Amino acid sequence: MNQEKRDIGFTSTCRGICAGQFIVALAISFLAGPADAQESDAQTKALDSTATQWSFQLAYQTMPDYFDDILDNGQPRPAGPTDYVQLRIVAPLPFENFTILPRITLRHYENAQGDSGIGNTEIFGLIIPKKWDWGTGRMGIGPLVTLPGDEKVARDEWGYGFAAVYVNSKGKWFYGALLTQSWRSIDPTALPAGTSDTNPLGIAPIVNYRLGSGWYVSNGDQIIQYDWDSKKIKIPLGIRIGRVLIKEKGSWNYYFEYQTTVVYDDWPGPAVENSYRFNVTYTIPPF
């Protein structure tokens, strides 16, 4: 009889403990789910330059090697700058029915001849209507302007055009494309024979995959260019490895990137052979 009572007491105690453990586990699961979702959302926003948040980027890129083959005109392919420092700021302006997303990119270049100076500063403002923002992604279009740069390392002229973007996230993937097209603000009589005032079309594919614990891999800052005058295309290929650190008031994004050019035959300009970039970006919600 005593043994039976002890067994009943043990069973009752076990049930109580098991029930308590189940409730605690359920509570932890309930609380951890949204936290994980919030962290995932914060990581995605840190990788998304079109998200409605402030972004401050500082990057250093070195290009020690360029392809030196012979072009169609019999001349050796020219080399580009040896390195640059980049500052990029995204400053969202949210309104009731749309968001304007200005982005400013400023670069300081150096070349093999020892010249240095400010390049052509690029400014564009994407306009994203509310109906074009579906939560997991968005698309937008807006004007683009390039400012004159130091003639030793850039073009001493204005440019104007437009930028368009489409991005989306699904699971651990974040993907999309950024398109830019501009025209040179220059006297047509000053253009060399066989050329126009149309700058090459730029298409930047965006592919990011989150690995977990803030780590991710990406194709990097890859810009495919199509030259309207020569009808030639240049395609780079890169890989980026980075990590996003979520903080209380913002997120830090650190990455290293390698890039080369895989399609450049008869491209009328420099084609980088090896390029390396080091980057840090800080993002915060709009003020």
C-alpha atoms as a PDB file:
ATOM      1  CA  MET A   1       0.000   0.000   0.000  1.00  0.00           C
ATOM      2  CA  ASN A   2       2.774   2.463   0.856  1.00  0.00           C
ATOM      3  CA  GLN A   3       4.610   1.499  -2.314  1.00  0.00           C
ATOM      4  CA  GLU A   4       1.447   2.182  -4.322  1.00  0.00           C
ATOM      5  CA  LYS A   5       1.075   5.605  -2.710  1.00  0.00           C
ATOM      6  CA  ARG A   6       4.702   6.397  -3.458  1.00  0.00           C
ATOM      7  CA  ASP A   7       4.186   5.363  -7.094  1.00  0.00           C
ATOM      8  CA  ILE A   8       1.053   7.514  -7.362  1.00  0.00           C
ATOM      9  CA  GLY A   9       2.874  10.463  -5.789  1.00  0.00           C
ATOM     10  CA  PHE A  10       5.825  10.016  -8.116  1.00  0.00           C
ATOM     11  CA  THR A  11       3.521   9.850 -11.127  1.00  0.00           C
ATOM     12  CA  SER A  12       1.656  12.989 -10.032  1.00  0.00           C
ATOM     13  CA  THR A  13       4.930  14.821  -9.443  1.00  0.00           C
ATOM     14  CA  CYS A  14       6.262  13.718 -12.849  1.00  0.00           C
ATOM     15  CA  ARG A  15       3.104  14.904 -14.547  1.00  0.00           C
ATOM     16  CA  GLY A  16       3.416  18.247 -12.815  1.00  0.00           C
ATOM     17  CA  ILE A  17       7.047  18.628 -13.772  1.00  0.00           C
ATOM     18  CA  CYS A  18       6.466  17.445 -17.345  1.00  0.00           C
ATOM     19  CA  ALA A  19       3.517  19.800 -17.725  1.00  0.00           C
ATOM     20  CA  GLY A  20       5.618  22.643 -16.374  1.00  0.00           C
ATOM     21  CA  GLN A  21       8.445  21.806 -18.743  1.00  0.00           C
ATOM     22  CA  PHE A  22       6.025  21.688 -21.641  1.00  0.00           C
ATOM     23  CA  ILE A  23       4.603  25.109 -20.758  1.00  0.00           C
ATOM     24  CA  VAL A  24       8.100  26.595 -20.386  1.00  0.00           C
ATOM     25  CA  ALA A  25       9.216  25.043 -23.686  1.00  0.00           C
ATOM     26  CA  LEU A  26       6.091  26.351 -25.387  1.00  0.00           C
ATOM     27  CA  ALA A  27       6.705  29.829 -23.989  1.00  0.00           C
ATOM     28  CA  ILE A  28      10.348  29.795 -25.118  1.00  0.00           C
ATOM     29  CA  SER A  29       9.303  28.621 -28.553  1.00  0.00           C
ATOM     30  CA  PHE A  30       6.662  31.346 -28.742  1.00  0.00           C
ATOM     31  CA  LEU A  31       9.092  34.062 -27.692  1.00  0.00           C
ATOM     32  CA  ALA A  32      12.050  32.820 -29.738  1.00  0.00           C
ATOM     33  CA  GLY A  33      10.072  32.589 -32.989  1.00  0.00           C
ATOM     34  CA  PRO A  34       9.364  36.322 -33.373  1.00  0.00           C
ATOM     35  CA  ALA A  35      12.889  37.158 -32.169  1.00  0.00           C
ATOM     36  CA  ASP A  36      14.389  34.953 -34.863  1.00  0.00           C
ATOM     37  CA  ALA A  37      12.049  36.498 -37.409  1.00  0.00           C
ATOM     38  CA  GLN A  38      13.002  39.996 -36.261  1.00  0.00           C
ATOM     39  CA  GLU A  39      16.705  39.152 -36.490  1.00  0.00           C
ATOM     40  CA  SER A  40      16.228  37.671 -39.957  1.00  0.00           C
ATOM     41  CA  ASP A  41      14.334  40.795 -41.031  1.00  0.00           C
ATOM     42  CA  ALA A  42      17.086  43.036 -39.647  1.00  0.00           C
ATOM     43  CA  GLN A  43      19.742  41.047 -41.535  1.00  0.00           C
ATOM     44  CA  THR A  44      17.768  41.315 -44.768  1.00  0.00           C
ATOM     45  CA  LYS A  45      17.389  45.070 -44.320  1.00  0.00           C
ATOM     46  CA  ALA A  46      21.139  45.390 -43.712  1.00  0.00           C
ATOM     47  CA  LEU A  47      21.724  43.717 -47.101  1.00  0.00           C
ATOM     48  CA  ASP A  48      18.997  45.719 -48.859  1.00  0.00           C
ATOM     49  CA  SER A  49      20.078  49.182 -50.012  1.00  0.00           C
ATOM     50  CA  THR A  50      16.446  49.920 -50.992  1.00  0.00           C
ATOM     51  CA  ALA A  51      15.038  49.365 -47.490  1.00  0.00           C
ATOM     52  CA  THR A  52      13.560  52.420 -45.771  1.00  0.00           C
ATOM     53  CA  GLN A  53      16.477  53.063 -43.451  1.00  0.00           C
ATOM     54  CA  TRP A  54      19.611  55.179 -43.307  1.00  0.00           C
ATOM     55  CA  SER A  55      22.806  53.569 -44.571  1.00  0.00           C
ATOM     56  CA  PHE A  56      26.397  54.796 -44.238  1.00  0.00           C
ATOM     57  CA  GLN A  57      29.019  52.864 -46.192  1.00  0.00           C
ATOM     58  CA  LEU A  58      32.805  53.190 -46.194  1.00  0.00           C
ATOM     59  CA  ALA A  59      34.749  50.923 -48.565  1.00  0.00           C
ATOM     60  CA  TYR A  60      38.267  50.577 -49.894  1.00  0.00           C
ATOM     61  CA  GLN A  61      38.829  48.831 -53.221  1.00  0.00           C
ATOM     62  CA  THR A  62      42.165  48.009 -54.824  1.00  0.00           C
ATOM     63  CA  MET A  63      42.580  46.932 -58.468  1.00  0.00           C
ATOM     64  CA  PRO A  64      46.251  45.914 -58.848  1.00  0.00           C
ATOM     65  CA  ASP A  65      45.816  44.017 -62.141  1.00  0.00           C
ATOM     66  CA  TYR A  66      44.139  44.800 -65.480  1.00  0.00           C
ATOM     67  CA  PHE A  67      43.974  42.761 -68.671  1.00  0.00           C
ATOM     68  CA  ASP A  68      46.501  44.115 -71.212  1.00  0.00           C
ATOM     69  CA  ASP A  69      45.347  42.543 -74.480  1.00  0.00           C
ATOM     70  CA  ILE A  70      45.119  44.360 -77.837  1.00  0.00           C
ATOM     71  CA  LEU A  71      41.868  46.055 -78.885  1.00  0.00           C
ATOM     72  CA  ASP A  72      40.274  46.072 -82.353  1.00  0.00           C
ATOM     73  CA  ASN A  73      41.998  49.372 -83.163  1.00  0.00           C
ATOM     74  CA  GLY A  74      45.413  47.793 -82.614  1.00  0.00           C
ATOM     75  CA  GLN A  75      46.021  49.662 -79.385  1.00  0.00           C
ATOM     76  CA  PRO A  76      46.720  47.974 -76.031  1.00  0.00           C
ATOM     77  CA  ARG A  77      43.810  47.961 -73.627  1.00  0.00           C
ATOM     78  CA  PRO A  78      44.092  50.911 -71.218  1.00  0.00           C
ATOM     79  CA  ALA A  79      44.408  50.329 -67.481  1.00  0.00           C
ATOM     80  CA  GLY A  80      42.018  51.854 -64.964  1.00  0.00           C
ATOM     81  CA  PRO A  81      42.558  53.315 -61.501  1.00  0.00           C
ATOM     82  CA  THR A  82      44.657  51.371 -59.017  1.00  0.00           C
ATOM     83  CA  ASP A  83      42.365  51.938 -56.016  1.00  0.00           C
ATOM     84  CA  TYR A  84      39.656  54.122 -54.533  1.00  0.00           C
ATOM     85  CA  VAL A  85      37.932  54.971 -51.277  1.00  0.00           C
ATOM     86  CA  GLN A  86      34.135  55.024 -51.453  1.00  0.00           C
ATOM     87  CA  LEU A  87      31.595  56.782 -49.262  1.00  0.00           C
ATOM     88  CA  ARG A  88      27.945  55.950 -49.914  1.00  0.00           C
ATOM     89  CA  ILE A  89      24.938  57.334 -48.057  1.00  0.00           C
ATOM     90  CA  VAL A  90      21.303  56.255 -48.417  1.00  0.00           C
ATOM     91  CA  ALA A  91      18.859  58.730 -46.865  1.00  0.00           C
ATOM     92  CA  PRO A  92      15.172  57.634 -47.065  1.00  0.00           C
ATOM     93  CA  LEU A  93      12.376  60.196 -47.222  1.00  0.00           C
ATOM     94  CA  PRO A  94       9.123  58.370 -46.335  1.00  0.00           C
ATOM     95  CA  PHE A  95       5.797  59.986 -47.245  1.00  0.00           C
ATOM     96  CA  GLU A  96       2.202  58.808 -46.924  1.00  0.00           C
ATOM     97  CA  ASN A  97       1.850  57.257 -50.383  1.00  0.00           C
ATOM     98  CA  PHE A  98       5.447  56.776 -51.488  1.00  0.00           C
ATOM     99  CA  THR A  99       9.072  56.805 -50.398  1.00  0.00           C
ATOM    100  CA  ILE A 100      11.947  58.665 -52.035  1.00  0.00           C
ATOM    101  CA  LEU A 101      15.250  56.886 -51.590  1.00  0.00           C
ATOM    102  CA  PRO A 102      18.194  59.175 -52.422  1.00  0.00           C
ATOM    103  CA  ARG A 103      21.617  57.504 -52.712  1.00  0.00           C
ATOM    104  CA  ILE A 104      24.896  59.412 -52.958  1.00  0.00           C
ATOM    105  CA  THR A 105      28.129  57.670 -54.009  1.00  0.00           C
ATOM    106  CA  LEU A 106      31.399  59.593 -53.639  1.00  0.00           C
ATOM    107  CA  ARG A 107      34.785  58.110 -54.620  1.00  0.00           C
ATOM    108  CA  HIS A 108      38.395  59.254 -54.331  1.00  0.00           C
ATOM    109  CA  TYR A 109      40.559  57.593 -57.007  1.00  0.00           C
ATOM    110  CA  GLU A 110      44.261  56.990 -57.555  1.00  0.00           C
ATOM    111  CA  ASN A 111      45.903  55.765 -60.768  1.00  0.00           C
ATOM    112  CA  ALA A 112      49.203  54.197 -61.790  1.00  0.00           C
ATOM    113  CA  GLN A 113      50.589  57.594 -62.837  1.00  0.00           C
ATOM    114  CA  GLY A 114      50.328  58.860 -59.259  1.00  0.00           C
ATOM    115  CA  ASP A 115      47.338  61.111 -59.935  1.00  0.00           C
ATOM    116  CA  SER A 116      44.481  61.248 -57.451  1.00  0.00           C
ATOM    117  CA  GLY A 117      41.211  63.078 -57.068  1.00  0.00           C
ATOM    118  CA  ILE A 118      37.450  62.919 -56.702  1.00  0.00           C
ATOM    119  CA  GLY A 119      35.630  60.855 -59.299  1.00  0.00           C
ATOM    120  CA  ASN A 120      32.198  61.503 -60.826  1.00  0.00           C
ATOM    121  CA  THR A 121      29.833  61.631 -57.858  1.00  0.00           C
ATOM    122  CA  GLU A 122      26.614  59.702 -58.536  1.00  0.00           C
ATOM    123  CA  ILE A 123      23.285  60.778 -57.051  1.00  0.00           C
ATOM    124  CA  PHE A 124      19.962  59.125 -57.726  1.00  0.00           C
ATOM    125  CA  GLY A 125      16.581  59.197 -56.038  1.00  0.00           C
ATOM    126  CA  LEU A 126      14.426  56.082 -56.353  1.00  0.00           C
ATOM    127  CA  ILE A 127      10.706  56.763 -56.086  1.00  0.00           C
ATOM    128  CA  ILE A 128       8.895  53.777 -54.547  1.00  0.00           C
ATOM    129  CA  PRO A 129       5.067  54.019 -54.424  1.00  0.00           C
ATOM    130  CA  LYS A 130       3.376  52.138 -51.578  1.00  0.00           C
ATOM    131  CA  LYS A 131       1.689  49.785 -54.058  1.00  0.00           C
ATOM    132  CA  TRP A 132       5.129  48.842 -55.400  1.00  0.00           C
ATOM    133  CA  ASP A 133       6.269  47.718 -51.950  1.00  0.00           C
ATOM    134  CA  TRP A 134       4.860  44.270 -51.093  1.00  0.00           C
ATOM    135  CA  GLY A 135       6.689  43.697 -47.808  1.00  0.00           C
ATOM    136  CA  THR A 136       9.229  41.099 -48.929  1.00  0.00           C
ATOM    137  CA  GLY A 137      10.458  43.348 -51.743  1.00  0.00           C
ATOM    138  CA  ARG A 138       9.860  46.432 -53.828  1.00  0.00           C
ATOM    139  CA  MET A 139      10.572  48.199 -57.085  1.00  0.00           C
ATOM    140  CA  GLY A 140      11.154  51.814 -57.963  1.00  0.00           C
ATOM    141  CA  ILE A 141      12.473  54.269 -60.531  1.00  0.00           C
ATOM    142  CA  GLY A 142      13.879  57.766 -60.353  1.00  0.00           C
ATOM    143  CA  PRO A 143      16.266  60.392 -61.743  1.00  0.00           C
ATOM    144  CA  LEU A 144      20.053  60.026 -61.746  1.00  0.00           C
ATOM    145  CA  VAL A 145      22.717  62.744 -61.903  1.00  0.00           C
ATOM    146  CA  THR A 146      26.515  62.473 -62.073  1.00  0.00           C
ATOM    147  CA  LEU A 147      28.654  65.422 -61.004  1.00  0.00           C
ATOM    148  CA  PRO A 148      31.930  66.440 -62.670  1.00  0.00           C
ATOM    149  CA  GLY A 149      35.092  64.867 -61.253  1.00  0.00           C
ATOM    150  CA  ASP A 150      38.799  65.610 -61.299  1.00  0.00           C
ATOM    151  CA  GLU A 151      39.833  65.387 -64.972  1.00  0.00           C
ATOM    152  CA  LYS A 152      43.006  63.466 -64.024  1.00  0.00           C
ATOM    153  CA  VAL A 153      40.985  60.483 -62.794  1.00  0.00           C
ATOM    154  CA  ALA A 154      37.429  61.059 -64.096  1.00  0.00           C
ATOM    155  CA  ARG A 155      35.297  63.006 -66.554  1.00  0.00           C
ATOM    156  CA  ASP A 156      35.020  66.739 -66.010  1.00  0.00           C
ATOM    157  CA  GLU A 157      31.374  66.806 -67.080  1.00  0.00           C
ATOM    158  CA  TRP A 158      27.801  66.416 -65.898  1.00  0.00           C
ATOM    159  CA  GLY A 159      25.612  63.444 -66.623  1.00  0.00           C
ATOM    160  CA  TYR A 160      21.881  62.820 -66.338  1.00  0.00           C
ATOM    161  CA  GLY A 161      19.631  59.807 -66.622  1.00  0.00           C
ATOM    162  CA  PHE A 162      17.593  57.402 -64.493  1.00  0.00           C
ATOM    163  CA  ALA A 163      17.904  54.425 -62.156  1.00  0.00           C
ATOM    164  CA  ALA A 164      15.465  51.551 -61.638  1.00  0.00           C
ATOM    165  CA  VAL A 165      15.457  48.704 -59.120  1.00  0.00           C
ATOM    166  CA  TYR A 166      13.651  45.465 -58.319  1.00  0.00           C
ATOM    167  CA  VAL A 167      14.430  43.435 -55.176  1.00  0.00           C
ATOM    168  CA  ASN A 168      12.754  40.571 -53.333  1.00  0.00           C
ATOM    169  CA  SER A 169      13.514  38.167 -50.477  1.00  0.00           C
ATOM    170  CA  LYS A 170      12.395  34.564 -50.079  1.00  0.00           C
ATOM    171  CA  GLY A 171      13.626  32.395 -47.252  1.00  0.00           C
ATOM    172  CA  LYS A 172      17.380  32.852 -46.978  1.00  0.00           C
ATOM    173  CA  TRP A 173      17.617  34.408 -50.441  1.00  0.00           C
ATOM    174  CA  PHE A 174      17.658  38.112 -51.263  1.00  0.00           C
ATOM    175  CA  TYR A 175      17.829  38.913 -54.976  1.00  0.00           C
ATOM    176  CA  GLY A 176      17.078  41.562 -57.575  1.00  0.00           C
ATOM    177  CA  ALA A 177      18.681  43.989 -60.024  1.00  0.00           C
ATOM    178  CA  LEU A 178      19.623  47.667 -60.228  1.00  0.00           C
ATOM    179  CA  LEU A 179      19.659  49.365 -63.635  1.00  0.00           C
ATOM    180  CA  THR A 180      21.301  52.708 -64.442  1.00  0.00           C
ATOM    181  CA  GLN A 181      21.424  54.673 -67.697  1.00  0.00           C
ATOM    182  CA  SER A 182      22.833  58.145 -68.198  1.00  0.00           C
ATOM    183  CA  TRP A 183      23.803  60.582 -70.929  1.00  0.00           C
ATOM    184  CA  ARG A 184      26.789  62.935 -71.055  1.00  0.00           C
ATOM    185  CA  SER A 185      26.020  66.633 -70.825  1.00  0.00           C
ATOM    186  CA  ILE A 186      28.537  67.685 -73.459  1.00  0.00           C
ATOM    187  CA  ASP A 187      28.699  69.640 -76.697  1.00  0.00           C
ATOM    188  CA  PRO A 188      28.012  67.083 -79.476  1.00  0.00           C
ATOM    189  CA  THR A 189      30.723  68.652 -81.649  1.00  0.00           C
ATOM    190  CA  ALA A 190      33.296  67.769 -78.965  1.00  0.00           C
ATOM    191  CA  LEU A 191      32.534  64.040 -79.187  1.00  0.00           C
ATOM    192  CA  PRO A 192      35.043  61.798 -80.982  1.00  0.00           C
ATOM    193  CA  ALA A 193      33.935  60.343 -84.301  1.00  0.00           C
ATOM    194  CA  GLY A 194      31.769  57.249 -83.963  1.00  0.00           C
ATOM    195  CA  THR A 195      30.714  57.986 -80.386  1.00  0.00           C
ATOM    196  CA  SER A 196      27.568  59.450 -78.850  1.00  0.00           C
ATOM    197  CA  ASP A 197      26.603  61.145 -75.609  1.00  0.00           C
ATOM    198  CA  THR A 198      25.062  57.894 -74.309  1.00  0.00           C
ATOM    199  CA  ASN A 199      26.970  56.254 -71.454  1.00  0.00           C
ATOM    200  CA  PRO A 200      27.048  52.450 -71.173  1.00  0.00           C
ATOM    201  CA  LEU A 201      23.988  50.780 -69.686  1.00  0.00           C
ATOM    202  CA  GLY A 202      24.694  49.387 -66.219  1.00  0.00           C
ATOM    203  CA  ILE A 203      22.916  46.328 -64.813  1.00  0.00           C
ATOM    204  CA  ALA A 204      23.839  45.221 -61.297  1.00  0.00           C
ATOM    205  CA  PRO A 205      22.412  41.774 -60.429  1.00  0.00           C
ATOM    206  CA  ILE A 206      21.879  41.231 -56.699  1.00  0.00           C
ATOM    207  CA  VAL A 207      22.137  37.745 -55.186  1.00  0.00           C
ATOM    208  CA  ASN A 208      22.573  37.197 -51.426  1.00  0.00           C
ATOM    209  CA  TYR A 209      22.251  33.984 -49.413  1.00  0.00           C
ATOM    210  CA  ARG A 210      22.193  34.030 -45.601  1.00  0.00           C
ATOM    211  CA  LEU A 211      24.240  31.253 -44.000  1.00  0.00           C
ATOM    212  CA  GLY A 212      23.200  31.796 -40.383  1.00  0.00           C
ATOM    213  CA  SER A 213      24.664  33.589 -37.355  1.00  0.00           C
ATOM    214  CA  GLY A 214      24.785  36.771 -39.433  1.00  0.00           C
ATOM    215  CA  TRP A 215      27.069  35.315 -42.134  1.00  0.00           C
ATOM    216  CA  TYR A 216      26.164  35.519 -45.822  1.00  0.00           C
ATOM    217  CA  VAL A 217      27.592  35.102 -49.333  1.00  0.00           C
ATOM    218  CA  SER A 218      26.862  37.314 -52.311  1.00  0.00           C
ATOM    219  CA  ASN A 219      27.880  38.039 -55.901  1.00  0.00           C
ATOM    220  CA  GLY A 220      29.120  41.443 -54.726  1.00  0.00           C
ATOM    221  CA  ASP A 221      28.992  44.855 -56.385  1.00  0.00           C
ATOM    222  CA  GLN A 222      28.912  43.373 -59.885  1.00  0.00           C
ATOM    223  CA  ILE A 223      27.935  45.764 -62.717  1.00  0.00           C
ATOM    224  CA  ILE A 224      27.351  44.376 -66.189  1.00  0.00           C
ATOM    225  CA  GLN A 225      27.901  47.092 -68.817  1.00  0.00           C
ATOM    226  CA  TYR A 226      26.677  47.381 -72.403  1.00  0.00           C
ATOM    227  CA  ASP A 227      28.286  50.003 -74.657  1.00  0.00           C
ATOM    228  CA  TRP A 228      25.732  51.404 -77.101  1.00  0.00           C
ATOM    229  CA  ASP A 229      28.360  52.745 -79.516  1.00  0.00           C
ATOM    230  CA  SER A 230      30.537  49.637 -79.949  1.00  0.00           C
ATOM    231  CA  LYS A 231      27.717  47.148 -79.202  1.00  0.00           C
ATOM    232  CA  LYS A 232      30.097  45.360 -76.794  1.00  0.00           C
ATOM    233  CA  ILE A 233      29.443  43.994 -73.323  1.00  0.00           C
ATOM    234  CA  LYS A 234      31.582  43.642 -70.214  1.00  0.00           C
ATOM    235  CA  ILE A 235      30.644  41.120 -67.513  1.00  0.00           C
ATOM    236  CA  PRO A 236      32.450  40.907 -64.168  1.00  0.00           C
ATOM    237  CA  LEU A 237      32.151  38.020 -61.725  1.00  0.00           C
ATOM    238  CA  GLY A 238      32.652  38.349 -57.994  1.00  0.00           C
ATOM    239  CA  ILE A 239      32.096  36.762 -54.630  1.00  0.00           C
ATOM    240  CA  ARG A 240      31.463  38.499 -51.333  1.00  0.00           C
ATOM    241  CA  ILE A 241      31.677  37.002 -47.853  1.00  0.00           C
ATOM    242  CA  GLY A 242      30.253  39.095 -45.056  1.00  0.00           C
ATOM    243  CA  ARG A 243      28.652  39.212 -41.681  1.00  0.00           C
ATOM    244  CA  VAL A 244      25.844  41.348 -40.274  1.00  0.00           C
ATOM    245  CA  LEU A 245      25.930  42.220 -36.583  1.00  0.00           C
ATOM    246  CA  ILE A 246      22.564  43.303 -35.181  1.00  0.00           C
ATOM    247  CA  LYS A 247      22.798  45.949 -32.457  1.00  0.00           C
ATOM    248  CA  GLU A 248      20.144  47.673 -30.359  1.00  0.00           C
ATOM    249  CA  LYS A 249      20.064  50.872 -32.435  1.00  0.00           C
ATOM    250  CA  GLY A 250      21.351  49.658 -35.797  1.00  0.00           C
ATOM    251  CA  SER A 251      23.241  47.013 -37.764  1.00  0.00           C
ATOM    252  CA  TRP A 252      26.866  46.665 -38.877  1.00  0.00           C
ATOM    253  CA  ASN A 253      27.673  44.936 -42.149  1.00  0.00           C
ATOM    254  CA  TYR A 254      31.300  43.855 -42.716  1.00  0.00           C
ATOM    255  CA  TYR A 255      32.427  42.122 -45.883  1.00  0.00           C
ATOM    256  CA  PHE A 256      35.353  41.185 -48.121  1.00  0.00           C
ATOM    257  CA  GLU A 257      34.859  40.926 -51.865  1.00  0.00           C
ATOM    258  CA  TYR A 258      36.893  39.578 -54.792  1.00  0.00           C
ATOM    259  CA  GLN A 259      36.052  40.343 -58.416  1.00  0.00           C
ATOM    260  CA  THR A 260      37.409  39.707 -61.904  1.00  0.00           C
ATOM    261  CA  THR A 261      36.143  40.265 -65.470  1.00  0.00           C
ATOM    262  CA  VAL A 262      34.996  37.166 -67.371  1.00  0.00           C
ATOM    263  CA  VAL A 263      33.641  38.757 -70.592  1.00  0.00           C
ATOM    264  CA  TYR A 264      35.560  41.724 -72.019  1.00  0.00           C
ATOM    265  CA  ASP A 265      36.567  40.866 -75.633  1.00  0.00           C
ATOM    266  CA  ASP A 266      36.725  44.089 -77.688  1.00  0.00           C
ATOM    267  CA  TRP A 267      35.314  46.112 -74.776  1.00  0.00           C
ATOM    268  CA  PRO A 268      36.604  49.654 -75.502  1.00  0.00           C
ATOM    269  CA  GLY A 269      37.997  50.357 -72.057  1.00  0.00           C
ATOM    270  CA  PRO A 270      39.716  48.928 -68.979  1.00  0.00           C
ATOM    271  CA  ALA A 271      38.890  45.398 -67.788  1.00  0.00           C
ATOM    272  CA  VAL A 272      40.011  44.557 -64.268  1.00  0.00           C
ATOM    273  CA  GLU A 273      41.714  41.212 -63.754  1.00  0.00           C
ATOM    274  CA  ASN A 274      41.867  41.171 -59.944  1.00  0.00           C
ATOM    275  CA  SER A 275      39.969  43.451 -57.598  1.00  0.00           C
ATOM    276  CA  TYR A 276      39.614  43.351 -53.802  1.00  0.00           C
ATOM    277  CA  ARG A 277      37.218  45.315 -51.601  1.00  0.00           C
ATOM    278  CA  PHE A 278      36.948  45.809 -47.844  1.00  0.00           C
ATOM    279  CA  ASN A 279      33.721  47.338 -46.550  1.00  0.00           C
ATOM    280  CA  VAL A 280      31.865  48.426 -43.437  1.00  0.00           C
ATOM    281  CA  THR A 281      28.257  49.689 -43.513  1.00  0.00           C
ATOM    282  CA  TYR A 282      26.122  50.980 -40.658  1.00  0.00           C
ATOM    283  CA  THR A 283      22.337  51.041 -41.042  1.00  0.00           C
ATOM    284  CA  ILE A 284      19.724  52.599 -38.781  1.00  0.00           C
ATOM    285  CA  PRO A 285      15.946  53.171 -38.951  1.00  0.00           C
ATOM    286  CA  PRO A 286      14.756  56.536 -40.368  1.00  0.00           C
ATOM    287  CA  PHE A 287      14.922  59.483 -37.995  1.00  0.00           C
END
